[in-house]
Amino acid sequence: MNRMTIPGLVDAAAAQHGEWAFLTLDGTSRTHAQTRTAAGTMAGALAARGCRPGDRVAALLSNRVELVDLVLGCAWLGAVVVPLNTALHGRLLRMCSAPWCR
């Protein structure tokens, strides 16, 4: 894997610093190795739902560990995350998550 891609950088960091902390958010901590695993799991889940390279994936998440999983999983897959404002409701939310997002 090319080390100059996000997946390549995460792979390299997991190989070098596997048990070091990568992220701590709201009391949840992840090591580099755990982050690598979560990203791969997310990429697999997205692919199983039909997501392919170049697809856009709408994300209606606050600042949570799962958002990092989604962003990195999309990078693994070659998809693009489209973050949506968590304050959106009703018609505005439907417009933002139109058929162009999975």
C-alpha atoms as a PDB file:
ATOM      1  CA  MET A   1       0.000   0.000   0.000  1.00  0.00           C
ATOM      2  CA  ASN A   2       1.298   3.463  -0.882  1.00  0.00           C
ATOM      3  CA  ARG A   3       2.467   5.172   2.308  1.00  0.00           C
ATOM      4  CA  MET A   4       1.434   8.580   0.935  1.00  0.00           C
ATOM      5  CA  THR A   5      -2.264   7.737   1.108  1.00  0.00           C
ATOM      6  CA  ILE A   6      -4.386   7.930   4.247  1.00  0.00           C
ATOM      7  CA  PRO A   7      -4.693   4.127   4.425  1.00  0.00           C
ATOM      8  CA  GLY A   8      -0.948   3.816   3.863  1.00  0.00           C
ATOM      9  CA  LEU A   9      -0.170   6.284   6.632  1.00  0.00           C
ATOM     10  CA  VAL A  10      -2.553   4.565   9.058  1.00  0.00           C
ATOM     11  CA  ASP A  11      -1.061   1.153   8.182  1.00  0.00           C
ATOM     12  CA  ALA A  12       2.463   2.452   8.742  1.00  0.00           C
ATOM     13  CA  ALA A  13       1.521   4.065  12.057  1.00  0.00           C
ATOM     14  CA  ALA A  14      -0.197   0.862  13.224  1.00  0.00           C
ATOM     15  CA  ALA A  15       2.884  -1.159  12.294  1.00  0.00           C
ATOM     16  CA  GLN A  16       5.260   1.215  14.086  1.00  0.00           C
ATOM     17  CA  HIS A  17       3.171   2.382  17.030  1.00  0.00           C
ATOM     18  CA  GLY A  18       0.383  -0.195  17.278  1.00  0.00           C
ATOM     19  CA  GLU A  19      -0.327   0.119  20.999  1.00  0.00           C
ATOM     20  CA  TRP A  20       0.234   3.870  21.280  1.00  0.00           C
ATOM     21  CA  ALA A  21      -2.822   6.073  21.656  1.00  0.00           C
ATOM     22  CA  PHE A  22      -4.150   7.386  18.369  1.00  0.00           C
ATOM     23  CA  LEU A  23      -7.303   9.081  19.617  1.00  0.00           C
ATOM     24  CA  THR A  24      -9.130   9.871  22.836  1.00  0.00           C
ATOM     25  CA  LEU A  25     -12.592  11.361  22.588  1.00  0.00           C
ATOM     26  CA  ASP A  26     -15.248  11.614  25.287  1.00  0.00           C
ATOM     27  CA  GLY A  27     -13.593   8.955  27.401  1.00  0.00           C
ATOM     28  CA  THR A  28     -13.090   6.519  24.523  1.00  0.00           C
ATOM     29  CA  SER A  29      -9.495   5.772  23.561  1.00  0.00           C
ATOM     30  CA  ARG A  30      -8.166   3.939  20.536  1.00  0.00           C
ATOM     31  CA  THR A  31      -4.681   2.737  19.730  1.00  0.00           C
ATOM     32  CA  HIS A  32      -3.197   2.980  16.253  1.00  0.00           C
ATOM     33  CA  ALA A  33      -3.813  -0.762  15.768  1.00  0.00           C
ATOM     34  CA  GLN A  34      -7.443  -0.517  16.930  1.00  0.00           C
ATOM     35  CA  THR A  35      -8.000   2.441  14.625  1.00  0.00           C
ATOM     36  CA  ARG A  36      -6.567   0.500  11.686  1.00  0.00           C
ATOM     37  CA  THR A  37      -8.866  -2.423  12.442  1.00  0.00           C
ATOM     38  CA  ALA A  38     -11.937  -0.196  12.845  1.00  0.00           C
ATOM     39  CA  ALA A  39     -11.214   1.552   9.539  1.00  0.00           C
ATOM     40  CA  GLY A  40     -10.934  -1.777   7.726  1.00  0.00           C
ATOM     41  CA  THR A  41     -14.144  -3.005   9.335  1.00  0.00           C
ATOM     42  CA  MET A  42     -15.961   0.168   8.293  1.00  0.00           C
ATOM     43  CA  ALA A  43     -14.630  -0.121   4.726  1.00  0.00           C
ATOM     44  CA  GLY A  44     -15.902  -3.703   4.590  1.00  0.00           C
ATOM     45  CA  ALA A  45     -19.321  -2.702   5.939  1.00  0.00           C
ATOM     46  CA  LEU A  46     -19.616   0.109   3.393  1.00  0.00           C
ATOM     47  CA  ALA A  47     -18.568  -2.190   0.548  1.00  0.00           C
ATOM     48  CA  ALA A  48     -21.106  -4.814   1.671  1.00  0.00           C
ATOM     49  CA  ARG A  49     -23.795  -2.138   1.331  1.00  0.00           C
ATOM     50  CA  GLY A  50     -22.737  -1.393  -2.231  1.00  0.00           C
ATOM     51  CA  CYS A  51     -20.404   1.563  -1.656  1.00  0.00           C
ATOM     52  CA  ARG A  52     -17.678   1.798  -4.288  1.00  0.00           C
ATOM     53  CA  PRO A  53     -14.702   4.072  -5.027  1.00  0.00           C
ATOM     54  CA  GLY A  54     -15.914   7.548  -5.938  1.00  0.00           C
ATOM     55  CA  ASP A  55     -19.228   7.195  -4.114  1.00  0.00           C
ATOM     56  CA  ARG A  56     -20.296   9.899  -1.654  1.00  0.00           C
ATOM     57  CA  VAL A  57     -21.296   8.842   1.859  1.00  0.00           C
ATOM     58  CA  ALA A  58     -23.454  11.228   3.879  1.00  0.00           C
ATOM     59  CA  ALA A  59     -22.420  11.497   7.537  1.00  0.00           C
ATOM     60  CA  LEU A  60     -24.844  12.906  10.070  1.00  0.00           C
ATOM     61  CA  LEU A  61     -22.649  12.402  13.145  1.00  0.00           C
ATOM     62  CA  SER A  62     -21.379  14.625  15.900  1.00  0.00           C
ATOM     63  CA  ASN A  63     -17.751  14.483  17.010  1.00  0.00           C
ATOM     64  CA  ARG A  64     -17.529  10.810  17.887  1.00  0.00           C
ATOM     65  CA  VAL A  65     -15.098   7.956  17.415  1.00  0.00           C
ATOM     66  CA  GLU A  66     -17.462   6.477  14.816  1.00  0.00           C
ATOM     67  CA  LEU A  67     -16.965   9.548  12.642  1.00  0.00           C
ATOM     68  CA  VAL A  68     -13.223   8.807  12.537  1.00  0.00           C
ATOM     69  CA  ASP A  69     -14.051   5.187  11.619  1.00  0.00           C
ATOM     70  CA  LEU A  70     -16.280   6.417   8.802  1.00  0.00           C
ATOM     71  CA  VAL A  71     -13.776   8.931   7.429  1.00  0.00           C
ATOM     72  CA  LEU A  72     -10.931   6.403   7.457  1.00  0.00           C
ATOM     73  CA  GLY A  73     -13.162   3.599   6.153  1.00  0.00           C
ATOM     74  CA  CYS A  74     -14.178   5.782   3.222  1.00  0.00           C
ATOM     75  CA  ALA A  75     -10.519   6.579   2.554  1.00  0.00           C
ATOM     76  CA  TRP A  76      -9.777   2.836   2.464  1.00  0.00           C
ATOM     77  CA  LEU A  77     -12.548   2.310  -0.008  1.00  0.00           C
ATOM     78  CA  GLY A  78     -11.895   5.411  -2.120  1.00  0.00           C
ATOM     79  CA  ALA A  79     -15.264   6.927  -1.230  1.00  0.00           C
ATOM     80  CA  VAL A  80     -15.843  10.513  -0.124  1.00  0.00           C
ATOM     81  CA  VAL A  81     -17.429  11.547   3.179  1.00  0.00           C
ATOM     82  CA  VAL A  82     -20.029  14.310   2.944  1.00  0.00           C
ATOM     83  CA  PRO A  83     -20.444  15.687   6.477  1.00  0.00           C
ATOM     84  CA  LEU A  84     -23.925  17.013   7.180  1.00  0.00           C
ATOM     85  CA  ASN A  85     -24.849  19.527   9.847  1.00  0.00           C
ATOM     86  CA  THR A  86     -26.410  17.674  12.776  1.00  0.00           C
ATOM     87  CA  ALA A  87     -28.914  20.542  13.168  1.00  0.00           C
ATOM     88  CA  LEU A  88     -30.583  19.749   9.826  1.00  0.00           C
ATOM     89  CA  HIS A  89     -34.178  18.459   9.948  1.00  0.00           C
ATOM     90  CA  GLY A  90     -37.032  17.562   7.639  1.00  0.00           C
ATOM     91  CA  ARG A  91     -36.966  18.988   4.142  1.00  0.00           C
ATOM     92  CA  LEU A  92     -33.452  20.418   4.408  1.00  0.00           C
ATOM     93  CA  LEU A  93     -32.057  17.088   5.562  1.00  0.00           C
ATOM     94  CA  ARG A  94     -33.864  15.245   2.750  1.00  0.00           C
ATOM     95  CA  MET A  95     -32.430  17.706   0.208  1.00  0.00           C
ATOM     96  CA  CYS A  96     -28.881  17.185   1.511  1.00  0.00           C
ATOM     97  CA  SER A  97     -29.157  13.411   1.509  1.00  0.00           C
ATOM     98  CA  ALA A  98     -30.688  13.159  -1.952  1.00  0.00           C
ATOM     99  CA  PRO A  99     -29.799  10.252  -4.268  1.00  0.00           C
ATOM    100  CA  TRP A 100     -26.210  11.444  -4.663  1.00  0.00           C
ATOM    101  CA  CYS A 101     -25.292   9.998  -1.232  1.00  0.00           C
ATOM    102  CA  ARG A 102     -25.473   6.428   0.053  1.00  0.00           C
END
